[in-house]
Amino acid sequence: MGDEARRVRSIEFPGCLTGARRDTIACVADAHSYSLLEVERRQKIHLSTIRSSEELSDYRVEDIPTRDGTPVPGASAASNGNTLPVENRVHGRSSSLNALVGGTGDRHHRPHSSIPGRSPSRTPEPRGREAPKISSSDDLPSTNVDRTPEPSHNGSAVRTSSQKPLPPPPLPENFQLKPHVLSPTPSEFLFITGTEASAVGVGMFVNLEGEVTRGTIEFQKYPDSVVLDNYNEERASLANNDVEEGYILAVVVNENDDQLPRHIEAQRWDLEPGGNERPKSSIPVPLDCPISTPVGIYKTISSDQLSFSEVGKIMQMVRLKSSFAAPSHPPTPPESADPRTKASIEQLQKEKELFESQELCLSSSEQPSVSESRREWEKQRTQEEAKIAMSLGHVNSDIILWGGNCIWRVIRNPLALQLENSLRLAHPESSNDYLTTDLNVIVSLLEELDSLVPKTENEFLGLNYVKQKASLLLFAKLLSTQQTAQTAEMIELTEAALTNGGLDPRISLLLVPLLKNEVLQGPQGIWVNRGLAMVAEPLIHTLNGGINNNIPTSNIPFFDMLIRYLISWQRKRGYGSVTDETYVFDSVDAALLHLLLELDGSDCQRANPSVSSSVRAELNKLVDNWKGNFDRAIQLLETYQRLFVLSRLYQSRKMSKHVLMTWKRIIEGGPDAGGELSVPAAEIQVRKYLIKIRDSQVVEDYGSWLAARNPRLGIQVFADGSSKVKFDPGQVVSILKEKAPGAVQVYLEHLVFAKNYSQYADDLIGYYLDTVLSVLETSPEARASLAESYSTYRALRPPKPSYLTFISENAPSEHWWQSRLRLLQLLGGESRSQFTSIPTARDLSYSISTVLDRIEPFRNELVSESIILGGRQGRHHEALHLLTHGLGDYDTAIRYCLFGGISSSHSTSTTMQASASSASQKDLFSHLLKEFLHISDPSDRIERTSDLLTRFAPIFDVGEVLSIVPDGWSVDILSGFLVRVLRDLVTEKREVKVQRALSAGLNLRVGVEMLEKGEQAGGGWIEEEDGVKVLRENSANEDGGKGKNKVNGNDGGLIR
């Protein structure tokens, strides 16, 4: 109180040997039992005897006697009525006390006796630590610590109750057990009981009410000394409910054990092992003294810092030594800014200037200085990494162990070293045979790591290191295992370890022969923990030595696992926590592309057809979203001859010209191992692509190239109205004439037939004529083919189609024949084409004389053309002559007469145009009759003439027909005509009669209507001498009643 310590109160507890206090509750022990004390109210509850074979005589709450002269706050409080009655306190603790007694086993009652010698006891504050294991440290200067009980120098008398029995006499020293009381948490006490020193010791946990809180903890032998290596209660982590490992350390002496006569038994007190025993570890005490030499362990007020050199050794970052050169292709610059701090960016810039710039700029004479700079930089960084690694091995300890004339610090192994030792159990460092690696041990360790939450940076780094090494060991085991021995569980566990471990994927890729050349590293190399390098470097050396150098592509499960692992790394692109992210992710992308190309190859597809679809889909997805090294991707795709995938890669960068160039290679027969795009499909892709881009020069170049190769498809590039680049038709014609002459005709057909641009009709007709006439001039077979078509058509018996329909359906496939058909369609006016179903304008204008001049040498071969052109010029008689005698197309001749021309005569459509005038029809039919009468074949002559006269009898004049028909023809030949004519005459006469009768009836009806209207008007009509009719009433008024006229009442009211 104030500046000096003053006694507040004195608590009398005879024979107290040790104790621990939490707030107003203290757990204390004498030579026989443990008790809970309420120091404020001076009350006590007996918990348990130290020896489980003893029984306490009374479990009631007792008042602690007060020394004379000592202030008793409780007494004054009682006088004021503020204390609870003893009965109430007994009742409040009776349930926990009874539970405690029942859980301690059989006890024998012994009378209590006072022990004159006892030492003052204090409860040390436990300090928390973060490492989960305990190990011995280097020897420290020794100090003398005496835990022997001292006799009490306080001779004051103690007031006792008259009812309380005397304490039992002390037991012999050999039978006494040293009490141990600890407080692991602010609300718990731990005390240890046993039967004898050589038997098992049992630790029991009770709360401040004396109730058991958790399961017991056992020791191999009853401990001589115990201490808690616990979390620090004063740390802020407690406020955040962070859980830190709590250990209890017990000094155990086993005289029967020659190996470990004295050792520290360490175990977790804060775990509930369930049905299993708590895991324990033993640490030998390095003391060459008799077994009777006392050994103690205790906590110090302050802690000391020590360092583990082995932690620095395995955790130090070193440059990975790989025996092959890194690929020469440069890394692709990252798309986004580096998210690291300014200091890191400056360091990276310094390295870049040191290595890359000097390589590119220095002359060959200065190269030695560059190498020297690199070595100097690597040496400097190695030193820096060593300093950092040494700091990772620093640990604090506040526990000392003493025995004889020696004192040691007891410290926990750093987390990284503990876990490293576990990995060494799975795979010794001296072994290069990874087939013997214990898979179960590593998997169990990884499961344990998942439950650990690092609380410091050192623990975080240690956990990451162990995860990476564990995943590397599993991957090495998988690589060393034959394909037939690789199980799905092994592959799955390896994948999970690699994915969650965070191991630099370049290390894994270096171990796969197929992918090792895809690993990129900067001039500074790949830096990893030394512990990882000690595993990876021998494997890389073995790989490059040719041992186990092939992994067959038939090992699909392994490669599928590798694909998923690389894809998981792809998703981390852009994370600022990834060191050398450009080299790492470019390596991952290149390796994934290489692997997918290998699995998508023809050999692998034949062996595993079920895998090919998923692999190809993943390949396309990777290329479409490519972010890795572009040049390396091109190189790989060219190596595997995957042109279509290469075009997708170019498209991912919007390199339209390169996309088209790659498709052009496919179309022209370039090797495309994937076969995704056939030549016709590639041509269609080119057309669709050219419509969507805006580069006019590219559209012109590749559009004309496509038109030269496939005219009908190519001209759609220039003709499509949705194209991003528009060309004038005249400009397109000029381009095609220069670069794709064969497509000009097709484009003109589009303009004339689809767009109705009649100004290009002459050009199109000229192309058709060039094609047809050039063949007819040089090929007698072509002329014979035309003549044969005429003779074949004439030989057909009616009913037969028109000649144009006949040759359209039966024309040979030669190009000139097709050109002739389109020429006939164009010359005929109304027609349809392959470009549109809309008929062209009938009055399509073209130079008829020019066409006639060109076909003049072949008038006998080009009969249809002469007919059309003759009709266009108004030479109908000549056209009918050719239709009748040249072609024998009689139905077309009849339609010619009906419609006054050839335009519609070639159409089979039921939609007819307006008929020609009556006079023109009569003239044409009259001339056609004469042509029919000159048909050479008598039967055809009679049949066609009779049919014509019968069908169109009203048009012909009977007298004229009878005058020109041969006299030798029988009446039967003209019977149809004559019957039709006579029937028409009779019909006409009857129609006249009916018309007259109808007119008379109409006249009568009109007269009646007039009479009715006259009567309604008031009088009749008066017909005067001059024939003028007036109303009777008006006429009478004018005569003045002279009565000159008569009124005939019987004449319907008319006056005559």
Foldseek 3Di string as FASTA:
>chain_A
DPPDDDDQFDFDDFQWAEWEDFDQWIWTDGQFFIWIARNLQQKIATQATQALQADEPDGAIDHTFGFPPTDRPNVVCVVVVNDDDSVVVRVVQVVQRVVRNVVSDHHHYAAFAGDQWYADYYADAAAAFFFDFKAWDDFDAFDDDDSDTGGDPDPGDTDDDPPRTHGGDDDPPQATADWDWHAQDSFKIKIWHHNGQQCKIKIFIAGSSNHGDADIAIDNGRFPEKDKNHHHPPDCVVVVVDDGWIKMWGWHADPVDPVARTWIKIFTPPDHPDPDHTDIDIYHDPDPDDSPWDKYKDFAPFKDKDFDLVQLQQFQKAFFDFDDDADPFDWDDAPDDQPDDPVVVVVVVVVCCLAVVCVVPPDPVCVVVSVVSLVVVNVVVSVVSSVVSRVLGMTMFGMWMDTDSTIITMTHGHNLVVLVVLQCVQPNLVDPDLLSRDPVSLLVSVVVLVPDDDDDPSNVSSSLQSLQQSLVSLLSNQLNDDLVPDDPVSLVSSLVSLLPNPHLVLLVQLLQLQQVNLQDDDPNHDIGGVNNSSNRNVSSVCCVVPPSVDDDLLSPSNLVSVLVSLVSVLVCQPPSVDPPSRRRNLSSLLSNLSSLLVCLFPVNCVVPVVCNVVSVVVNLVCLLQPDIRLVSNLVSCVVSQALQSVLSNCVSVPVLLSNLVSLVCQLVPHRHRNPPAHNVRSLLVLLVSQQEDQDPVSSLVVLLVSCQVPLLSSCCSAVPPSRNDHDDLVRVLVSCVVRRVVNNLVNLCCCCFVVVPLVCLQVNLVVLLVLQVVCVVVPPVSLVVLVVLLVVQLPDDPPDAASLVVCVVVPDPDPNSVSVNVSLLSLLAFDHDPNDPHTHGRPRDDDLVVVCVSCVVPCLRPVSSVLSSCLVVVVLLVSLLCCCAVRVRLQLLLVCLFAVHNNCSNDPDPDDDHGDDLVSSLVSLVSNLVSLCPDPDVVSSLVSNLVSLLVPLVSDDPVVVVVPPDPPDDVVSNVSNVVVVVVVVVVVVVVVVVVVVVVVVVVVVVVVVVLVVLVVVPAAWEQDPVGDIDGPVVVCVVVVNPPPWDFDPVPSRYTD
